[in-house]
PDB file of N, CA and C in Angstrom:
ATOM      1  N   MET A   1     -18.718   5.440   5.576  1.00  0.00           N
ATOM      2  CA  MET A   1     -17.713   5.830   6.538  1.00  0.00           C
ATOM      3  C   MET A   1     -16.555   4.831   6.554  1.00  0.00           C
ATOM      4  N   PHE A   2     -16.887   3.543   6.450  1.00  0.00           N
ATOM      5  CA  PHE A   2     -15.835   2.530   6.452  1.00  0.00           C
ATOM      6  C   PHE A   2     -14.935   2.681   5.235  1.00  0.00           C
ATOM      7  N   PHE A   3     -15.509   3.072   4.111  1.00  0.00           N
ATOM      8  CA  PHE A   3     -14.739   3.215   2.887  1.00  0.00           C
ATOM      9  C   PHE A   3     -13.714   4.342   3.025  1.00  0.00           C
ATOM     10  N   ILE A   4     -14.118   5.441   3.644  1.00  0.00           N
ATOM     11  CA  ILE A   4     -13.206   6.559   3.834  1.00  0.00           C
ATOM     12  C   ILE A   4     -12.062   6.164   4.771  1.00  0.00           C
ATOM     13  N   GLU A   5     -12.378   5.444   5.835  1.00  0.00           N
ATOM     14  CA  GLU A   5     -11.331   4.975   6.745  1.00  0.00           C
ATOM     15  C   GLU A   5     -10.387   4.007   6.042  1.00  0.00           C
ATOM     16  N   PHE A   6     -10.939   3.150   5.194  1.00  0.00           N
ATOM     17  CA  PHE A   6     -10.112   2.225   4.415  1.00  0.00           C
ATOM     18  C   PHE A   6      -9.147   3.000   3.526  1.00  0.00           C
ATOM     19  N   LEU A   7      -9.637   4.028   2.844  1.00  0.00           N
ATOM     20  CA  LEU A   7      -8.783   4.826   1.972  1.00  0.00           C
ATOM     21  C   LEU A   7      -7.665   5.508   2.751  1.00  0.00           C
ATOM     22  N   ILE A   8      -7.991   6.053   3.911  1.00  0.00           N
ATOM     23  CA  ILE A   8      -6.993   6.749   4.719  1.00  0.00           C
ATOM     24  C   ILE A   8      -5.934   5.780   5.238  1.00  0.00           C
ATOM     25  N   ILE A   9      -6.371   4.648   5.775  1.00  0.00           N
ATOM     26  CA  ILE A   9      -5.421   3.674   6.325  1.00  0.00           C
ATOM     27  C   ILE A   9      -4.519   3.118   5.229  1.00  0.00           C
ATOM     28  N   ALA A  10      -5.094   2.757   4.086  1.00  0.00           N
ATOM     29  CA  ALA A  10      -4.292   2.206   2.986  1.00  0.00           C
ATOM     30  C   ALA A  10      -3.280   3.232   2.481  1.00  0.00           C
ATOM     31  N   THR A  11      -3.674   4.491   2.394  1.00  0.00           N
ATOM     32  CA  THR A  11      -2.758   5.532   1.936  1.00  0.00           C
ATOM     33  C   THR A  11      -1.616   5.744   2.927  1.00  0.00           C
ATOM     34  N   LEU A  12      -1.925   5.747   4.214  1.00  0.00           N
ATOM     35  CA  LEU A  12      -0.873   5.929   5.222  1.00  0.00           C
ATOM     36  C   LEU A  12       0.111   4.763   5.241  1.00  0.00           C
ATOM     37  N   ILE A  13      -0.401   3.542   5.110  1.00  0.00           N
ATOM     38  CA  ILE A  13       0.494   2.380   5.043  1.00  0.00           C
ATOM     39  C   ILE A  13       1.388   2.473   3.806  1.00  0.00           C
ATOM     40  N   ALA A  14       0.824   2.895   2.681  1.00  0.00           N
ATOM     41  CA  ALA A  14       1.619   3.019   1.459  1.00  0.00           C
ATOM     42  C   ALA A  14       2.659   4.118   1.588  1.00  0.00           C
ATOM     43  N   LYS A  15       2.315   5.213   2.251  1.00  0.00           N
ATOM     44  CA  LYS A  15       3.282   6.302   2.421  1.00  0.00           C
ATOM     45  C   LYS A  15       4.453   5.846   3.285  1.00  0.00           C
ATOM     46  N   VAL A  16       4.178   5.140   4.363  1.00  0.00           N
ATOM     47  CA  VAL A  16       5.246   4.613   5.213  1.00  0.00           C
ATOM     48  C   VAL A  16       6.091   3.603   4.439  1.00  0.00           C
ATOM     49  N   ALA A  17       5.434   2.727   3.686  1.00  0.00           N
ATOM     50  CA  ALA A  17       6.165   1.735   2.884  1.00  0.00           C
ATOM     51  C   ALA A  17       7.040   2.421   1.839  1.00  0.00           C
ATOM     52  N   SER A  18       6.537   3.475   1.206  1.00  0.00           N
ATOM     53  CA  SER A  18       7.342   4.151   0.186  1.00  0.00           C
ATOM     54  C   SER A  18       8.529   4.876   0.809  1.00  0.00           C
ATOM     55  N   LEU A  19       8.374   5.385   2.024  1.00  0.00           N
ATOM     56  CA  LEU A  19       9.499   6.029   2.697  1.00  0.00           C
ATOM     57  C   LEU A  19      10.571   5.012   3.071  1.00  0.00           C
ATOM     58  N   ILE A  20      10.151   3.814   3.489  1.00  0.00           N
ATOM     59  CA  ILE A  20      11.113   2.774   3.844  1.00  0.00           C
ATOM     60  C   ILE A  20      11.801   2.229   2.593  1.00  0.00           C
ATOM     61  N   ILE A  21      11.023   1.960   1.560  1.00  0.00           N
ATOM     62  CA  ILE A  21      11.583   1.426   0.317  1.00  0.00           C
ATOM     63  C   ILE A  21      12.482   2.451  -0.363  1.00  0.00           C
ATOM     64  N   GLY A  22      12.090   3.715  -0.312  1.00  0.00           N
ATOM     65  CA  GLY A  22      12.864   4.774  -0.956  1.00  0.00           C
ATOM     66  C   GLY A  22      13.994   5.306  -0.105  1.00  0.00           C
ATOM     67  N   LEU A  23      14.268   4.667   1.033  1.00  0.00           N
ATOM     68  CA  LEU A  23      15.345   5.067   1.939  1.00  0.00           C
ATOM     69  C   LEU A  23      15.223   6.539   2.345  1.00  0.00           C
ATOM     70  N   GLY A  24      14.037   6.924   2.775  1.00  0.00           N
ATOM     71  CA  GLY A  24      13.811   8.278   3.246  1.00  0.00           C
ATOM     72  C   GLY A  24      13.175   9.181   2.210  1.00  0.00           C
ATOM     73  N   TYR A  25      13.240   8.802   0.948  1.00  0.00           N
ATOM     74  CA  TYR A  25      12.613   9.584  -0.115  1.00  0.00           C
ATOM     75  C   TYR A  25      11.473   8.758  -0.684  1.00  0.00           C
ATOM     76  N   GLY A  26      10.269   9.086  -0.323  1.00  0.00           N
ATOM     77  CA  GLY A  26       9.114   8.305  -0.753  1.00  0.00           C
ATOM     78  C   GLY A  26       8.425   8.906  -1.957  1.00  0.00           C
ATOM     79  N   PHE A  27       7.405   8.231  -2.383  1.00  0.00           N
ATOM     80  CA  PHE A  27       6.586   8.721  -3.482  1.00  0.00           C
ATOM     81  C   PHE A  27       5.664   9.830  -2.994  1.00  0.00           C
ATOM     82  N   SER A  28       5.047  10.529  -3.927  1.00  0.00           N
ATOM     83  CA  SER A  28       4.105  11.590  -3.574  1.00  0.00           C
ATOM     84  C   SER A  28       2.829  10.982  -2.984  1.00  0.00           C
ATOM     85  N   TRP A  29       2.007  11.830  -2.391  1.00  0.00           N
ATOM     86  CA  TRP A  29       0.760  11.348  -1.785  1.00  0.00           C
ATOM     87  C   TRP A  29      -0.184  10.719  -2.806  1.00  0.00           C
ATOM     88  N   PRO A  30      -0.340  11.284  -4.026  1.00  0.00           N
ATOM     89  CA  PRO A  30      -1.224  10.606  -4.992  1.00  0.00           C
ATOM     90  C   PRO A  30      -0.730   9.211  -5.386  1.00  0.00           C
ATOM     91  N   VAL A  31       0.578   9.053  -5.528  1.00  0.00           N
ATOM     92  CA  VAL A  31       1.117   7.727  -5.856  1.00  0.00           C
ATOM     93  C   VAL A  31       0.916   6.775  -4.681  1.00  0.00           C
ATOM     94  N   SER A  32       1.115   7.274  -3.470  1.00  0.00           N
ATOM     95  CA  SER A  32       0.868   6.453  -2.280  1.00  0.00           C
ATOM     96  C   SER A  32      -0.599   6.085  -2.162  1.00  0.00           C
ATOM     97  N   PHE A  33      -1.472   6.988  -2.542  1.00  0.00           N
ATOM     98  CA  PHE A  33      -2.914   6.712  -2.518  1.00  0.00           C
ATOM     99  C   PHE A  33      -3.261   5.569  -3.463  1.00  0.00           C
ATOM    100  N   VAL A  34      -2.796   5.668  -4.698  1.00  0.00           N
ATOM    101  CA  VAL A  34      -3.084   4.622  -5.694  1.00  0.00           C
ATOM    102  C   VAL A  34      -2.434   3.306  -5.293  1.00  0.00           C
ATOM    103  N   GLY A  35      -1.185   3.361  -4.877  1.00  0.00           N
ATOM    104  CA  GLY A  35      -0.486   2.142  -4.457  1.00  0.00           C
ATOM    105  C   GLY A  35      -1.111   1.507  -3.228  1.00  0.00           C
ATOM    106  N   GLY A  36      -1.580   2.330  -2.307  1.00  0.00           N
ATOM    107  CA  GLY A  36      -2.214   1.810  -1.101  1.00  0.00           C
ATOM    108  C   GLY A  36      -3.527   1.117  -1.385  1.00  0.00           C
ATOM    109  N   ILE A  37      -4.347   1.743  -2.184  1.00  0.00           N
ATOM    110  CA  ILE A  37      -5.649   1.153  -2.519  1.00  0.00           C
ATOM    111  C   ILE A  37      -5.457  -0.124  -3.324  1.00  0.00           C
ATOM    112  N   LEU A  38      -4.613  -0.053  -4.351  1.00  0.00           N
ATOM    113  CA  LEU A  38      -4.364  -1.222  -5.195  1.00  0.00           C
ATOM    114  C   LEU A  38      -3.718  -2.353  -4.399  1.00  0.00           C
ATOM    115  N   GLY A  39      -2.724  -2.022  -3.590  1.00  0.00           N
ATOM    116  CA  GLY A  39      -2.028  -3.044  -2.808  1.00  0.00           C
ATOM    117  C   GLY A  39      -2.904  -3.681  -1.750  1.00  0.00           C
ATOM    118  N   ALA A  40      -3.691  -2.875  -1.048  1.00  0.00           N
ATOM    119  CA  ALA A  40      -4.580  -3.425  -0.019  1.00  0.00           C
ATOM    120  C   ALA A  40      -5.641  -4.319  -0.643  1.00  0.00           C
ATOM    121  N   TRP A  41      -6.170  -3.899  -1.775  1.00  0.00           N
ATOM    122  CA  TRP A  41      -7.190  -4.702  -2.451  1.00  0.00           C
ATOM    123  C   TRP A  41      -6.598  -6.022  -2.971  1.00  0.00           C
ATOM    124  N   LEU A  42      -5.452  -5.935  -3.648  1.00  0.00           N
ATOM    125  CA  LEU A  42      -4.826  -7.148  -4.184  1.00  0.00           C
ATOM    126  C   LEU A  42      -4.341  -8.081  -3.075  1.00  0.00           C
ATOM    127  N   GLY A  43      -3.769  -7.510  -2.023  1.00  0.00           N
ATOM    128  CA  GLY A  43      -3.293  -8.331  -0.917  1.00  0.00           C
ATOM    129  C   GLY A  43      -4.407  -9.113  -0.257  1.00  0.00           C
ATOM    130  N   THR A  44      -5.537  -8.452  -0.038  1.00  0.00           N
ATOM    131  CA  THR A  44      -6.680  -9.134   0.564  1.00  0.00           C
ATOM    132  C   THR A  44      -7.294 -10.128  -0.412  1.00  0.00           C
ATOM    133  N   LEU A  45      -7.304  -9.789  -1.692  1.00  0.00           N
ATOM    134  CA  LEU A  45      -7.868 -10.688  -2.702  1.00  0.00           C
ATOM    135  C   LEU A  45      -7.038 -11.966  -2.835  1.00  0.00           C
ATOM    136  N   VAL A  46      -5.717 -11.821  -2.865  1.00  0.00           N
ATOM    137  CA  VAL A  46      -4.842 -12.971  -3.083  1.00  0.00           C
ATOM    138  C   VAL A  46      -4.620 -13.771  -1.798  1.00  0.00           C
ATOM    139  N   LEU A  47      -4.348 -13.081  -0.697  1.00  0.00           N
ATOM    140  CA  LEU A  47      -3.999 -13.767   0.542  1.00  0.00           C
ATOM    141  C   LEU A  47      -5.192 -14.100   1.427  1.00  0.00           C
ATOM    142  N   GLY A  48      -6.316 -13.504   1.182  1.00  0.00           N
ATOM    143  CA  GLY A  48      -7.517 -13.812   1.957  1.00  0.00           C
ATOM    144  C   GLY A  48      -7.656 -12.940   3.187  1.00  0.00           C
ATOM    145  N   HIS A  49      -8.590 -13.315   4.038  1.00  0.00           N
ATOM    146  CA  HIS A  49      -8.919 -12.555   5.238  1.00  0.00           C
ATOM    147  C   HIS A  49      -8.363 -13.272   6.462  1.00  0.00           C
ATOM    148  N   PHE A  50      -7.245 -12.804   6.972  1.00  0.00           N
ATOM    149  CA  PHE A  50      -6.684 -13.359   8.202  1.00  0.00           C
ATOM    150  C   PHE A  50      -5.974 -12.242   8.954  1.00  0.00           C
ATOM    151  N   GLY A  51      -5.645 -12.514  10.174  1.00  0.00           N
ATOM    152  CA  GLY A  51      -4.967 -11.526  10.989  1.00  0.00           C
ATOM    153  C   GLY A  51      -5.945 -10.527  11.590  1.00  0.00           C
ATOM    154  N   PRO A  52      -5.412  -9.514  12.258  1.00  0.00           N
ATOM    155  CA  PRO A  52      -6.280  -8.524  12.877  1.00  0.00           C
ATOM    156  C   PRO A  52      -7.087  -7.755  11.834  1.00  0.00           C
ATOM    157  N   GLN A  53      -8.310  -7.441  12.190  1.00  0.00           N
ATOM    158  CA  GLN A  53      -9.200  -6.747  11.261  1.00  0.00           C
ATOM    159  C   GLN A  53      -9.816  -5.554  11.976  1.00  0.00           C
ATOM    160  N   TRP A  54      -9.889  -4.431  11.258  1.00  0.00           N
ATOM    161  CA  TRP A  54     -10.524  -3.239  11.785  1.00  0.00           C
ATOM    162  C   TRP A  54     -11.216  -2.527  10.635  1.00  0.00           C
ATOM    163  N   VAL A  55     -12.472  -2.199  10.797  1.00  0.00           N
ATOM    164  CA  VAL A  55     -13.327  -1.610   9.766  1.00  0.00           C
ATOM    165  C   VAL A  55     -13.130  -2.285   8.407  1.00  0.00           C
ATOM    166  N   SER A  56     -13.308  -3.576   8.399  1.00  0.00           N
ATOM    167  CA  SER A  56     -13.135  -4.422   7.219  1.00  0.00           C
ATOM    168  C   SER A  56     -11.804  -4.173   6.502  1.00  0.00           C
ATOM    169  N   PHE A  57     -10.778  -3.892   7.271  1.00  0.00           N
ATOM    170  CA  PHE A  57      -9.426  -3.739   6.750  1.00  0.00           C
ATOM    171  C   PHE A  57      -8.581  -4.822   7.384  1.00  0.00           C
ATOM    172  N   ASN A  58      -8.167  -5.786   6.603  1.00  0.00           N
ATOM    173  CA  ASN A  58      -7.335  -6.887   7.097  1.00  0.00           C
ATOM    174  C   ASN A  58      -5.881  -6.448   7.052  1.00  0.00           C
ATOM    175  N   TRP A  59      -5.289  -6.250   8.202  1.00  0.00           N
ATOM    176  CA  TRP A  59      -3.988  -5.597   8.310  1.00  0.00           C
ATOM    177  C   TRP A  59      -2.852  -6.366   7.648  1.00  0.00           C
ATOM    178  N   ILE A  60      -2.731  -7.645   7.900  1.00  0.00           N
ATOM    179  CA  ILE A  60      -1.572  -8.396   7.407  1.00  0.00           C
ATOM    180  C   ILE A  60      -1.597  -8.558   5.885  1.00  0.00           C
ATOM    181  N   PRO A  61      -2.684  -9.081   5.289  1.00  0.00           N
ATOM    182  CA  PRO A  61      -2.657  -9.203   3.828  1.00  0.00           C
ATOM    183  C   PRO A  61      -2.605  -7.853   3.117  1.00  0.00           C
ATOM    184  N   ALA A  62      -3.259  -6.856   3.676  1.00  0.00           N
ATOM    185  CA  ALA A  62      -3.240  -5.533   3.048  1.00  0.00           C
ATOM    186  C   ALA A  62      -1.847  -4.925   3.097  1.00  0.00           C
ATOM    187  N   THR A  63      -1.170  -5.062   4.216  1.00  0.00           N
ATOM    188  CA  THR A  63       0.181  -4.517   4.342  1.00  0.00           C
ATOM    189  C   THR A  63       1.156  -5.228   3.411  1.00  0.00           C
ATOM    190  N   ILE A  64       1.046  -6.531   3.324  1.00  0.00           N
ATOM    191  CA  ILE A  64       1.899  -7.288   2.394  1.00  0.00           C
ATOM    192  C   ILE A  64       1.638  -6.853   0.959  1.00  0.00           C
ATOM    193  N   GLY A  65       0.374  -6.711   0.601  1.00  0.00           N
ATOM    194  CA  GLY A  65       0.020  -6.264  -0.748  1.00  0.00           C
ATOM    195  C   GLY A  65       0.527  -4.866  -1.047  1.00  0.00           C
ATOM    196  N   VAL A  66       0.415  -3.960  -0.083  1.00  0.00           N
ATOM    197  CA  VAL A  66       0.898  -2.590  -0.278  1.00  0.00           C
ATOM    198  C   VAL A  66       2.409  -2.569  -0.463  1.00  0.00           C
ATOM    199  N   VAL A  67       3.133  -3.326   0.335  1.00  0.00           N
ATOM    200  CA  VAL A  67       4.595  -3.354   0.212  1.00  0.00           C
ATOM    201  C   VAL A  67       5.001  -3.899  -1.157  1.00  0.00           C
ATOM    202  N   ILE A  68       4.339  -4.939  -1.623  1.00  0.00           N
ATOM    203  CA  ILE A  68       4.669  -5.503  -2.942  1.00  0.00           C
ATOM    204  C   ILE A  68       4.382  -4.507  -4.051  1.00  0.00           C
ATOM    205  N   VAL A  69       3.236  -3.847  -3.989  1.00  0.00           N
ATOM    206  CA  VAL A  69       2.893  -2.866  -5.027  1.00  0.00           C
ATOM    207  C   VAL A  69       3.860  -1.680  -4.991  1.00  0.00           C
ATOM    208  N   MET A  70       4.246  -1.225  -3.812  1.00  0.00           N
ATOM    209  CA  MET A  70       5.179  -0.110  -3.734  1.00  0.00           C
ATOM    210  C   MET A  70       6.572  -0.518  -4.228  1.00  0.00           C
ATOM    211  N   LEU A  71       6.965  -1.774  -4.006  1.00  0.00           N
ATOM    212  CA  LEU A  71       8.225  -2.260  -4.578  1.00  0.00           C
ATOM    213  C   LEU A  71       8.163  -2.269  -6.104  1.00  0.00           C
ATOM    214  N   ILE A  72       7.040  -2.685  -6.640  1.00  0.00           N
ATOM    215  CA  ILE A  72       6.864  -2.666  -8.101  1.00  0.00           C
ATOM    216  C   ILE A  72       6.918  -1.234  -8.620  1.00  0.00           C
ATOM    217  N   PHE A  73       6.262  -0.304  -7.920  1.00  0.00           N
ATOM    218  CA  PHE A  73       6.326   1.107  -8.311  1.00  0.00           C
ATOM    219  C   PHE A  73       7.764   1.613  -8.282  1.00  0.00           C
ATOM    220  N   LYS A  74       8.543   1.204  -7.279  1.00  0.00           N
ATOM    221  CA  LYS A  74       9.932   1.656  -7.169  1.00  0.00           C
ATOM    222  C   LYS A  74      10.780   1.098  -8.315  1.00  0.00           C
ATOM    223  N   ILE A  75      10.543  -0.157  -8.672  1.00  0.00           N
ATOM    224  CA  ILE A  75      11.267  -0.754  -9.802  1.00  0.00           C
ATOM    225  C   ILE A  75      10.934  -0.024 -11.095  1.00  0.00           C
ATOM    226  N   ILE A  76       9.663   0.257 -11.319  1.00  0.00           N
ATOM    227  CA  ILE A  76       9.245   1.007 -12.512  1.00  0.00           C
ATOM    228  C   ILE A  76       9.861   2.407 -12.501  1.00  0.00           C
ATOM    229  N   ASP A  77       9.874   3.045 -11.330  1.00  0.00           N
ATOM    230  CA  ASP A  77      10.450   4.386 -11.204  1.00  0.00           C
ATOM    231  C   ASP A  77      11.924   4.384 -11.577  1.00  0.00           C
ATOM    232  N   ARG A  78      12.659   3.391 -11.125  1.00  0.00           N
ATOM    233  CA  ARG A  78      14.098   3.323 -11.444  1.00  0.00           C
ATOM    234  C   ARG A  78      14.336   3.022 -12.921  1.00  0.00           C
ATOM    235  N   LYS A  79      13.485   2.169 -13.517  1.00  0.00           N
ATOM    236  CA  LYS A  79      13.667   1.822 -14.927  1.00  0.00           C
ATOM    237  C   LYS A  79      13.330   3.003 -15.822  1.00  0.00           C
ATOM    238  N   VAL A  80      12.259   3.734 -15.493  1.00  0.00           N
ATOM    239  CA  VAL A  80      11.800   4.808 -16.363  1.00  0.00           C
ATOM    240  C   VAL A  80      12.604   6.097 -16.152  1.00  0.00           C
ATOM    241  N   PHE A  81      12.833   6.457 -14.888  1.00  0.00           N
ATOM    242  CA  PHE A  81      13.451   7.752 -14.593  1.00  0.00           C
ATOM    243  C   PHE A  81      14.915   7.660 -14.185  1.00  0.00           C
ATOM    244  N   GLY A  82      15.456   6.474 -14.179  1.00  0.00           N
ATOM    245  CA  GLY A  82      16.881   6.322 -13.895  1.00  0.00           C
ATOM    246  C   GLY A  82      17.172   6.291 -12.494  1.00  0.00           C
TER     247      GLY A  82
END
């Protein structure tokens, strides 16, 4: 159950981040899903466990990781698709 909640929260954070980074035009839900999971995992792995935590989801490092991964996705999107 915790894993499903983690997937949902990470995807929603990535979708919001992609909408902000894309200035109203965000990535699709599958891209947000992959970016959210990858970003939350990398953010927690690199930055550690600090800040508020809910269902083993560390909000601050996961959010930072998701924003960085979505920025990387946006850079790749601009380079590849113009």
